[in-house]
Amino acid sequence: MTELDRRTKVLGRLIGLASVTRRSEAQIVADQQRVVGHNAVTDLLLGGLAPGVSVRDTTAAGQDGPIGVRVYRPTTFTGTPPLVVLVHGGGWTSGTLDTYDWLASNIARDARVVVASLDYRLAPGHRWPAAAEDSYAATVDLVGRASELGADTTRVAVVGDSAGGNLAAVVALMARDRSGPAIAFQALLYPATDLTMASPSIDENATAPILTKADMLAFRRHYLGGADPRQPYASPLFAELAGLPPALVQVAEHDPLRDDGLRFAAALQDAGVAVRTTTYFGMPHGFMAFPRISRAVPQALGELCQELRRALAVS
């Protein structure tokens, strides 16, 4: 395997100090109430807003009430851009609109699209399928608000990383199964697709930086509770995959979830779905969340935005 660089190893040790395995449910819920915001330290680590993008906050319909949505629009684009729905990661227990400003704004600028980033309900206070149902309901609502968003909602993609990759894949499944909005493309960044945890890379990378096998077990417990991990809307790998939109699947070499992504990509191909799959060597799970540290971010972001422009016919 390709050697991890020193910065990644140091980052992994620091993140490990706040591992979900060290947090009680009450502590996780308390953490969710804290506002991270932007400052010199967080922007150095997570990146800040990209220039050339306007941002506004709104809401969309969730399963049981409105959820927060942050909308990003490229300021130099003339015409009506397509819509990209972004579903953030964080093990279904963390992640905020603020912490995903860098990714969302860079996608909006470089892919020349309107990005709607979803603030879905988090576990353990809201277990499966709350996050999945919120993400789907919000997508349906946003697609129906084309004029308000200034977006062409006949051209829609879903993007998600990690747990958000799981949810983005589930949104595509729900849209097909429920005769919902036409999803033209799904971009899944190191997604969790099999919550039975049967992928060989989970043990191979059990103590990798950023995400460990112990972390995965804790995230699954908080998200699923006692629900069956083989439910297709929990583990999209177990769904019937024919008729789904084309996909980009990006995975990281030093990631317990690497084979989740590779197995899902192979299953999509077997079902007749067009897939582009890229493995980023030397990278850990979640590397796109750390643009100042992970050397593969420019290439991965470039690939993501290029594939979005191609799939959504953005000139």
Protein backbone atom coordinates (compact mmCIF):
# COMPACT_ATOMS: atom_id res chain seq x y z
CA MET A 1 0.00 0.00 0.00
CA THR A 2 1.06 3.59 -0.58
CA GLU A 3 2.55 5.21 2.50
CA LEU A 4 0.44 7.76 4.37
CA ASP A 5 2.11 11.13 4.70
CA ARG A 6 3.09 12.50 8.09
CA ARG A 7 0.46 15.25 8.15
CA THR A 8 -2.31 12.71 7.67
CA LYS A 9 -0.97 10.56 10.49
CA VAL A 10 -0.86 13.56 12.84
CA LEU A 11 -4.37 14.61 11.83
CA GLY A 12 -5.61 11.08 12.46
CA ARG A 13 -4.18 11.05 15.97
CA LEU A 14 -5.83 14.39 16.76
CA ILE A 15 -9.19 13.29 15.41
CA GLY A 16 -8.89 10.04 17.35
CA LEU A 17 -8.91 12.03 20.60
CA ALA A 18 -12.51 13.00 19.84
CA SER A 19 -13.55 9.60 18.45
CA VAL A 20 -17.22 8.70 18.57
CA THR A 21 -16.17 5.66 20.59
CA ARG A 22 -15.27 8.03 23.43
CA ARG A 23 -18.63 9.85 23.38
CA SER A 24 -21.86 8.91 25.09
CA GLU A 25 -25.17 9.50 23.33
CA ALA A 26 -25.76 12.53 25.55
CA GLN A 27 -22.34 13.94 24.63
CA ILE A 28 -23.00 13.39 20.92
CA VAL A 29 -26.31 15.22 21.13
CA ALA A 30 -24.65 18.06 23.07
CA ASP A 31 -21.91 18.28 20.43
CA GLN A 32 -24.58 18.65 17.75
CA GLN A 33 -25.82 21.84 19.42
CA ARG A 34 -22.42 23.54 19.22
CA VAL A 35 -21.82 25.98 16.38
CA VAL A 36 -18.48 25.46 14.65
CA GLY A 37 -18.66 28.49 12.36
CA HIS A 38 -15.68 29.95 10.55
CA ASN A 39 -12.42 31.18 12.01
CA ALA A 40 -8.75 31.11 11.07
CA VAL A 41 -8.19 27.67 12.60
CA THR A 42 -11.24 25.92 11.13
CA ASP A 43 -10.71 27.48 7.72
CA LEU A 44 -7.07 26.39 7.76
CA LEU A 45 -8.14 22.81 8.44
CA LEU A 46 -11.47 22.54 6.61
CA GLY A 47 -11.17 25.30 4.03
CA GLY A 48 -13.37 28.36 3.73
CA LEU A 49 -15.90 29.58 1.23
CA ALA A 50 -14.75 29.66 -2.37
CA PRO A 51 -14.72 33.09 -4.02
CA GLY A 52 -17.16 33.69 -6.84
CA VAL A 53 -20.10 32.06 -5.04
CA SER A 54 -23.16 33.63 -3.40
CA VAL A 55 -24.65 31.89 -0.37
CA ARG A 56 -28.04 32.04 1.31
CA ASP A 57 -29.84 29.97 3.92
CA THR A 58 -33.36 28.63 3.53
CA THR A 59 -35.34 25.54 4.46
CA ALA A 60 -36.86 22.57 2.69
CA ALA A 61 -39.45 20.02 3.68
CA GLY A 62 -38.05 17.09 5.66
CA GLN A 63 -39.98 14.00 6.60
CA ASP A 64 -41.51 15.51 9.75
CA GLY A 65 -40.94 19.23 9.29
CA PRO A 66 -38.57 21.72 7.67
CA ILE A 67 -34.82 21.19 7.68
CA GLY A 68 -32.10 23.73 7.01
CA VAL A 69 -30.66 24.14 3.52
CA ARG A 70 -27.76 26.30 2.35
CA VAL A 71 -27.83 27.31 -1.30
CA TYR A 72 -24.64 28.17 -3.22
CA ARG A 73 -24.72 29.82 -6.64
CA PRO A 74 -21.80 30.69 -8.95
CA THR A 75 -21.86 34.45 -9.44
CA THR A 76 -20.21 34.46 -12.87
CA PHE A 77 -22.50 31.87 -14.49
CA THR A 78 -24.97 33.22 -17.05
CA GLY A 79 -28.12 31.24 -17.59
CA THR A 80 -29.88 28.75 -15.34
CA PRO A 81 -27.50 26.23 -13.76
CA PRO A 82 -28.46 22.65 -12.91
CA LEU A 83 -29.17 21.64 -9.31
CA VAL A 84 -26.84 19.53 -7.17
CA VAL A 85 -28.15 18.26 -3.84
CA LEU A 86 -25.27 17.75 -1.40
CA VAL A 87 -25.68 15.38 1.55
CA HIS A 88 -22.89 15.75 4.10
CA GLY A 89 -21.03 12.99 5.91
CA GLY A 90 -20.26 12.55 9.58
CA GLY A 91 -21.36 9.05 10.48
CA TRP A 92 -25.03 10.15 10.58
CA THR A 93 -24.21 11.78 13.95
CA SER A 94 -22.24 14.90 13.01
CA GLY A 95 -21.54 17.33 10.20
CA THR A 96 -22.98 20.80 9.65
CA LEU A 97 -23.63 23.23 6.84
CA ASP A 98 -20.65 25.29 8.04
CA THR A 99 -18.20 22.40 7.94
CA TYR A 100 -19.24 21.64 4.34
CA ASP A 101 -19.03 25.22 3.05
CA TRP A 102 -15.71 24.52 1.32
CA LEU A 103 -16.90 21.48 -0.61
CA ALA A 104 -20.31 22.91 -1.47
CA SER A 105 -19.00 26.29 -2.65
CA ASN A 106 -16.18 24.76 -4.69
CA ILE A 107 -18.60 22.40 -6.42
CA ALA A 108 -20.91 25.34 -7.19
CA ARG A 109 -18.09 27.42 -8.67
CA ASP A 110 -16.13 24.74 -10.52
CA ALA A 111 -19.04 22.62 -11.78
CA ARG A 112 -21.11 25.76 -12.48
CA VAL A 113 -24.18 24.50 -10.67
CA VAL A 114 -26.52 25.54 -7.88
CA VAL A 115 -25.69 23.46 -4.81
CA ALA A 116 -28.27 22.85 -2.08
CA SER A 117 -26.59 21.45 1.06
CA LEU A 118 -28.94 19.61 3.43
CA ASP A 119 -29.00 19.87 7.23
CA TYR A 120 -30.83 16.58 7.82
CA ARG A 121 -31.67 15.22 11.28
CA LEU A 122 -28.89 13.39 13.07
CA ALA A 123 -28.65 10.22 15.15
CA PRO A 124 -28.84 9.14 17.89
CA GLY A 125 -31.72 11.54 18.52
CA HIS A 126 -33.16 10.66 15.12
CA ARG A 127 -32.24 7.15 14.04
CA TRP A 128 -32.68 5.47 10.67
CA PRO A 129 -34.56 6.17 8.47
CA ALA A 130 -34.88 9.83 9.56
CA ALA A 131 -31.77 11.07 7.70
CA ALA A 132 -32.67 9.15 4.55
CA GLU A 133 -36.29 10.31 4.55
CA ASP A 134 -35.29 13.91 5.26
CA SER A 135 -32.80 13.87 2.40
CA TYR A 136 -35.33 12.47 -0.04
CA ALA A 137 -38.18 14.77 1.06
CA ALA A 138 -35.91 17.81 0.81
CA THR A 139 -34.76 16.78 -2.66
CA VAL A 140 -38.37 16.46 -3.84
CA ASP A 141 -39.21 19.86 -2.35
CA LEU A 142 -36.19 21.61 -3.85
CA VAL A 143 -36.80 20.17 -7.31
CA GLY A 144 -40.27 21.74 -7.17
CA ARG A 145 -38.81 25.21 -6.44
CA ALA A 146 -36.88 25.84 -9.63
CA SER A 147 -37.77 29.51 -10.04
CA GLU A 148 -37.01 30.34 -6.41
CA LEU A 149 -33.63 28.63 -6.57
CA GLY A 150 -32.82 29.97 -10.02
CA ALA A 151 -31.89 26.43 -11.02
CA ASP A 152 -32.79 24.11 -13.86
CA THR A 153 -34.34 21.28 -11.89
CA THR A 154 -34.78 19.13 -14.98
CA ARG A 155 -31.03 18.51 -14.53
CA VAL A 156 -30.39 17.21 -11.00
CA ALA A 157 -27.53 15.33 -9.38
CA VAL A 158 -26.99 14.07 -5.83
CA VAL A 159 -23.57 14.17 -4.18
CA GLY A 160 -22.53 12.79 -0.80
CA ASP A 161 -19.45 11.71 1.10
CA SER A 162 -19.15 8.84 3.60
CA ALA A 163 -22.50 8.64 5.44
CA GLY A 164 -23.66 11.31 3.01
CA GLY A 165 -22.63 9.02 0.16
CA ASN A 166 -24.85 6.38 1.70
CA LEU A 167 -27.72 8.88 1.87
CA ALA A 168 -27.15 10.20 -1.66
CA ALA A 169 -27.31 6.63 -3.01
CA VAL A 170 -30.49 6.04 -1.01
CA VAL A 171 -32.05 9.25 -2.39
CA ALA A 172 -31.40 7.93 -5.91
CA LEU A 173 -33.02 4.62 -4.94
CA MET A 174 -36.05 6.30 -3.39
CA ALA A 175 -36.49 8.57 -6.40
CA ARG A 176 -36.59 5.51 -8.66
CA ASP A 177 -38.81 3.44 -6.38
CA ARG A 178 -41.28 6.23 -5.58
CA SER A 179 -41.48 7.77 -9.06
CA GLY A 180 -39.80 10.87 -7.67
CA PRO A 181 -37.59 13.46 -9.36
CA ALA A 182 -35.43 12.34 -12.24
CA ILE A 183 -31.89 12.12 -10.89
CA ALA A 184 -29.38 12.43 -13.72
CA PHE A 185 -26.24 11.54 -11.79
CA GLN A 186 -24.97 10.37 -8.41
CA ALA A 187 -21.49 11.17 -7.10
CA LEU A 188 -20.52 9.05 -4.11
CA LEU A 189 -17.34 9.90 -2.22
CA TYR A 190 -16.03 6.97 -0.13
CA PRO A 191 -19.63 5.90 0.59
CA ALA A 192 -20.89 3.48 3.22
CA THR A 193 -22.99 1.00 1.26
CA ASP A 194 -23.02 -2.19 3.39
CA LEU A 195 -23.88 -1.71 7.07
CA THR A 196 -23.42 -5.43 7.69
CA MET A 197 -19.73 -4.45 7.53
CA ALA A 198 -18.75 -7.34 5.28
CA SER A 199 -16.14 -5.47 3.23
CA PRO A 200 -12.59 -6.89 3.60
CA SER A 201 -11.09 -3.40 3.81
CA ILE A 202 -12.78 -2.85 7.18
CA ASP A 203 -10.40 -5.29 8.81
CA GLU A 204 -7.49 -4.38 6.53
CA ASN A 205 -7.76 -0.73 7.58
CA ALA A 206 -9.23 -1.33 11.05
CA THR A 207 -6.88 1.14 12.73
CA ALA A 208 -6.47 3.62 9.89
CA PRO A 209 -6.40 7.35 10.63
CA ILE A 210 -9.62 9.42 10.51
CA LEU A 211 -11.98 6.39 10.59
CA THR A 212 -11.43 3.06 12.37
CA LYS A 213 -13.44 -0.13 12.54
CA ALA A 214 -14.40 0.74 16.12
CA ASP A 215 -15.69 4.12 14.91
CA MET A 216 -17.76 2.39 12.23
CA LEU A 217 -19.35 0.04 14.75
CA ALA A 218 -20.26 2.99 16.97
CA PHE A 219 -21.70 5.03 14.10
CA ARG A 220 -23.78 2.05 12.97
CA ARG A 221 -25.12 1.48 16.48
CA HIS A 222 -26.14 5.13 16.88
CA TYR A 223 -27.73 5.28 13.42
CA LEU A 224 -29.50 1.95 13.11
CA GLY A 225 -30.29 1.12 16.72
CA GLY A 226 -31.81 -2.33 16.31
CA ALA A 227 -32.82 -1.96 12.65
CA ASP A 228 -31.80 -4.60 10.10
CA PRO A 229 -28.60 -3.44 8.37
CA ARG A 230 -29.63 -5.31 5.21
CA GLN A 231 -32.55 -2.96 4.57
CA PRO A 232 -31.84 -1.46 1.12
CA TYR A 233 -32.48 2.09 2.33
CA ALA A 234 -29.87 1.50 5.04
CA SER A 235 -27.41 -0.52 2.92
CA PRO A 236 -27.93 0.34 -0.76
CA LEU A 237 -25.63 -2.52 -1.79
CA PHE A 238 -28.56 -4.87 -1.03
CA ALA A 239 -30.99 -3.02 -3.29
CA GLU A 240 -32.01 -3.90 -6.82
CA LEU A 241 -29.81 -1.44 -8.71
CA ALA A 242 -31.10 -1.56 -12.27
CA GLY A 243 -32.45 1.73 -13.55
CA LEU A 244 -30.37 3.95 -11.29
CA PRO A 245 -28.56 7.04 -12.63
CA PRO A 246 -24.94 6.91 -13.76
CA ALA A 247 -22.43 7.25 -10.94
CA LEU A 248 -19.00 8.46 -9.97
CA VAL A 249 -17.56 6.49 -7.04
CA GLN A 250 -14.40 7.83 -5.43
CA VAL A 251 -12.64 5.74 -2.78
CA ALA A 252 -9.50 6.09 -0.65
CA GLU A 253 -6.82 3.43 -0.31
CA HIS A 254 -6.39 3.64 3.49
CA ASP A 255 -10.10 3.58 4.25
CA PRO A 256 -12.16 0.89 5.99
CA LEU A 257 -14.96 1.86 3.57
CA ARG A 258 -12.83 1.47 0.43
CA ASP A 259 -14.38 -1.87 -0.54
CA ASP A 260 -17.89 -0.62 0.24
CA GLY A 261 -17.41 1.83 -2.61
CA LEU A 262 -15.71 -0.65 -4.93
CA ARG A 263 -18.32 -3.36 -4.32
CA PHE A 264 -21.17 -0.90 -4.90
CA ALA A 265 -19.58 0.34 -8.12
CA ALA A 266 -19.20 -3.25 -9.34
CA ALA A 267 -22.82 -4.03 -8.43
CA LEU A 268 -24.02 -0.95 -10.31
CA GLN A 269 -22.06 -2.04 -13.37
CA ASP A 270 -23.49 -5.55 -13.13
CA ALA A 271 -26.96 -3.95 -13.10
CA GLY A 272 -26.22 -2.06 -16.31
CA VAL A 273 -25.51 1.32 -14.72
CA ALA A 274 -22.63 3.39 -16.11
CA VAL A 275 -19.98 3.96 -13.43
CA ARG A 276 -16.65 5.71 -13.19
CA THR A 277 -14.56 4.49 -10.23
CA THR A 278 -11.36 6.08 -8.94
CA THR A 279 -9.14 4.95 -6.07
CA TYR A 280 -7.05 7.70 -4.49
CA PHE A 281 -3.85 6.05 -3.34
CA GLY A 282 -2.20 7.11 -0.11
CA MET A 283 -5.41 8.76 1.07
CA PRO A 284 -7.46 8.06 4.22
CA HIS A 285 -11.20 8.17 4.66
CA GLY A 286 -12.66 11.66 4.49
CA PHE A 287 -9.67 13.20 2.74
CA MET A 288 -11.84 15.68 0.79
CA ALA A 289 -12.84 17.30 4.09
CA PHE A 290 -9.25 18.46 4.65
CA PRO A 291 -8.27 20.39 1.52
CA ARG A 292 -5.24 22.05 3.13
CA ILE A 293 -3.77 18.70 4.19
CA SER A 294 -4.72 16.02 1.65
CA ARG A 295 -2.63 16.29 -1.50
CA ALA A 296 -5.18 14.42 -3.65
CA VAL A 297 -7.97 16.97 -3.11
CA PRO A 298 -7.34 19.08 -6.25
CA GLN A 299 -7.44 15.97 -8.46
CA ALA A 300 -10.51 14.50 -6.71
CA LEU A 301 -12.40 17.81 -6.78
CA GLY A 302 -11.47 18.30 -10.43
CA GLU A 303 -12.72 14.85 -11.34
CA LEU A 304 -15.95 15.36 -9.39
CA CYS A 305 -16.72 18.70 -11.02
CA GLN A 306 -15.78 17.49 -14.49
CA GLU A 307 -18.12 14.51 -14.15
CA LEU A 308 -20.93 16.73 -12.87
CA ARG A 309 -20.53 19.12 -15.80
CA ARG A 310 -20.52 16.24 -18.26
CA ALA A 311 -23.54 14.49 -16.75
CA LEU A 312 -25.55 17.70 -16.40
CA ALA A 313 -24.54 19.09 -19.79
CA VAL A 314 -22.90 22.24 -18.41
CA SER A 315 -20.85 24.04 -21.03
